[in-house]
N, C-alpha and C. Protein backbone atom coordinates (compact mmCIF):
# COMPACT_ATOMS: atom_id res chain seq x y z
N UNK A 1 104.45 108.51 136.41
CA UNK A 1 104.95 107.97 135.19
C UNK A 1 103.56 107.13 134.72
N UNK A 2 103.81 107.16 133.04
CA UNK A 2 102.84 106.53 132.67
C UNK A 2 102.26 105.44 133.00
N UNK A 3 101.10 104.82 132.07
CA UNK A 3 100.69 103.36 132.60
C UNK A 3 101.91 102.25 131.62
N UNK A 4 101.72 101.54 132.21
CA UNK A 4 102.84 100.14 131.64
C UNK A 4 101.90 99.38 130.79
N UNK A 5 102.33 99.25 129.50
CA UNK A 5 101.36 98.33 128.34
C UNK A 5 102.05 97.27 128.23
N UNK A 6 101.24 95.94 128.46
CA UNK A 6 101.88 94.57 128.48
C UNK A 6 102.33 94.35 126.81
N UNK A 7 101.50 95.01 125.99
CA UNK A 7 101.61 94.69 124.55
C UNK A 7 102.44 95.55 123.70
N UNK A 8 103.55 96.15 124.30
CA UNK A 8 104.38 96.97 123.60
C UNK A 8 105.01 96.13 122.41
N UNK A 9 104.50 96.92 121.23
CA UNK A 9 105.08 96.87 120.06
C UNK A 9 104.53 95.45 119.08
N UNK A 10 103.72 95.07 119.95
CA UNK A 10 103.04 93.92 119.47
C UNK A 10 102.36 93.78 118.33
N UNK A 11 102.15 92.83 117.02
CA UNK A 11 101.38 93.29 115.98
C UNK A 11 100.06 93.26 116.62
N UNK A 12 98.91 93.68 115.39
CA UNK A 12 97.82 93.85 116.05
C UNK A 12 97.48 92.51 115.26
N UNK A 13 96.70 91.86 116.42
CA UNK A 13 95.45 90.44 115.65
C UNK A 13 94.37 91.00 115.31
N UNK A 14 93.70 90.02 114.26
CA UNK A 14 92.32 90.38 113.51
C UNK A 14 91.41 90.40 114.55
N UNK A 15 91.13 90.10 115.55
CA UNK A 15 90.17 90.44 116.67
C UNK A 15 90.25 91.61 117.45
N UNK A 16 91.57 91.93 117.55
CA UNK A 16 91.46 93.57 117.72
C UNK A 16 91.02 94.08 116.94
N UNK A 17 91.36 94.01 115.63
CA UNK A 17 90.95 95.35 114.82
C UNK A 17 89.81 95.22 114.72
N UNK A 18 88.78 93.81 115.01
CA UNK A 18 87.76 93.83 114.67
C UNK A 18 86.98 94.81 115.86
N UNK A 19 87.71 94.62 117.21
CA UNK A 19 87.04 95.33 118.40
C UNK A 19 87.12 96.54 118.34
N UNK A 20 88.41 97.08 117.30
CA UNK A 20 88.58 98.81 117.38
C UNK A 20 87.61 99.49 116.77
N UNK A 21 86.94 98.61 115.60
CA UNK A 21 86.02 98.90 114.54
C UNK A 21 84.62 99.19 115.15
N UNK A 22 84.37 97.96 115.84
CA UNK A 22 83.20 98.16 116.54
C UNK A 22 83.12 99.08 117.66
N UNK A 23 84.11 99.07 118.35
CA UNK A 23 84.14 100.54 119.27
C UNK A 23 83.69 101.94 118.75
N UNK A 24 84.73 102.01 117.80
CA UNK A 24 84.61 103.11 117.26
C UNK A 24 83.30 103.35 116.56
N UNK A 25 82.51 102.27 115.93
CA UNK A 25 81.48 102.40 115.05
C UNK A 25 80.36 102.79 116.31
N UNK A 26 80.28 102.32 117.51
CA UNK A 26 79.42 102.71 118.60
C UNK A 26 79.84 104.29 119.19
N UNK A 27 80.89 105.21 118.73
CA UNK A 27 81.14 106.22 118.89
C UNK A 27 81.92 106.46 120.39
N UNK A 28 82.81 105.45 120.67
CA UNK A 28 83.47 105.53 122.10
C UNK A 28 84.41 106.19 121.64
N UNK A 29 85.19 106.91 122.65
CA UNK A 29 86.45 107.60 122.53
C UNK A 29 87.79 106.80 122.63
N UNK A 30 88.60 107.75 122.29
CA UNK A 30 90.01 106.95 122.32
C UNK A 30 90.67 106.58 123.09
N UNK A 31 90.30 107.39 124.51
CA UNK A 31 90.79 106.72 125.72
C UNK A 31 90.25 105.41 126.13
N UNK A 32 88.71 105.00 126.18
CA UNK A 32 87.95 104.17 126.40
C UNK A 32 88.37 102.94 125.34
N UNK A 33 88.50 103.18 123.87
CA UNK A 33 88.85 102.35 123.14
C UNK A 33 90.41 101.82 123.60
N UNK A 34 91.31 102.24 123.78
CA UNK A 34 92.88 102.01 123.99
C UNK A 34 92.54 101.01 125.07
N UNK A 35 91.81 101.68 126.26
CA UNK A 35 91.85 100.67 127.51
C UNK A 35 91.43 99.12 127.45
N UNK A 36 90.19 99.41 126.64
CA UNK A 36 89.64 97.95 126.11
C UNK A 36 90.66 96.94 125.35
N UNK A 37 91.23 97.66 124.61
CA UNK A 37 92.38 97.24 123.59
C UNK A 37 93.66 96.70 124.64
N UNK A 38 93.57 97.49 126.13
CA UNK A 38 94.96 97.24 126.36
C UNK A 38 96.09 97.62 125.73
N UNK A 39 96.08 98.95 124.93
CA UNK A 39 96.82 99.59 123.82
C UNK A 39 97.20 100.85 124.35
N UNK A 40 98.08 101.32 123.64
CA UNK A 40 98.82 102.82 124.21
C UNK A 40 97.47 103.63 123.18
N UNK A 41 97.03 104.99 123.43
CA UNK A 41 96.19 105.93 122.92
C UNK A 41 96.78 106.16 121.64
N UNK A 42 97.80 106.43 121.86
CA UNK A 42 99.02 106.72 120.70
C UNK A 42 98.83 105.42 119.59
N UNK A 43 99.37 104.45 119.95
CA UNK A 43 98.94 103.21 118.97
C UNK A 43 97.55 103.04 118.64
N UNK A 44 96.67 103.27 119.38
CA UNK A 44 95.69 103.16 119.16
C UNK A 44 94.69 103.94 117.82
N UNK A 45 95.04 105.26 117.99
CA UNK A 45 95.19 106.33 117.29
C UNK A 45 95.92 106.19 115.59
N UNK A 46 97.00 105.82 115.77
CA UNK A 46 97.99 105.05 114.68
C UNK A 46 97.33 104.44 113.97
N UNK A 47 96.89 103.32 114.48
CA UNK A 47 96.02 102.03 113.59
C UNK A 47 94.87 102.24 113.26
N UNK A 48 94.04 103.33 113.68
CA UNK A 48 92.76 103.67 113.18
C UNK A 48 93.00 104.45 112.22
N UNK A 49 94.14 105.18 112.35
CA UNK A 49 94.46 106.23 110.97
C UNK A 49 94.92 105.34 109.88
N UNK A 50 95.78 104.26 110.09
CA UNK A 50 96.31 103.47 108.81
C UNK A 50 94.89 103.21 107.98
N UNK A 51 94.02 102.43 109.04
CA UNK A 51 92.99 101.83 108.36
C UNK A 51 91.71 102.33 108.02
N UNK A 52 91.77 103.61 108.11
CA UNK A 52 90.77 104.56 107.98
C UNK A 52 89.58 104.34 108.79
N UNK A 53 89.85 104.12 110.05
CA UNK A 53 88.61 104.22 111.17
C UNK A 53 88.52 105.52 111.63
N UNK A 54 87.19 106.11 111.69
CA UNK A 54 87.08 107.41 112.39
C UNK A 54 86.66 106.91 113.63
N UNK A 55 87.46 107.78 114.64
CA UNK A 55 87.48 107.79 116.24
C UNK A 55 86.50 108.90 116.84
N UNK A 56 85.45 109.20 117.49
CA UNK A 56 84.93 109.79 117.91
C UNK A 56 85.94 110.95 119.10
N UNK A 57 85.53 112.24 118.81
CA UNK A 57 86.34 113.13 119.86
C UNK A 57 85.63 113.75 120.79
N UNK A 58 85.59 112.86 121.91
CA UNK A 58 84.73 113.43 123.27
C UNK A 58 85.29 114.48 123.81
N UNK A 59 84.44 115.73 124.05
CA UNK A 59 84.72 116.61 125.07
C UNK A 59 84.13 116.72 126.38
């Protein structure tokens, strides 16, 4: 079973958006950013795309 996220379908707070921008700017990967925000990878990816924030693709 996948991880359980306590923030399921919760609106994004300004502090979370700022943290998303900061972590993405530092070159962090999607998985690491999602874990830091306690959000799913899908939710994090969708929000970054909506705000035109580029997330590094780590391999």
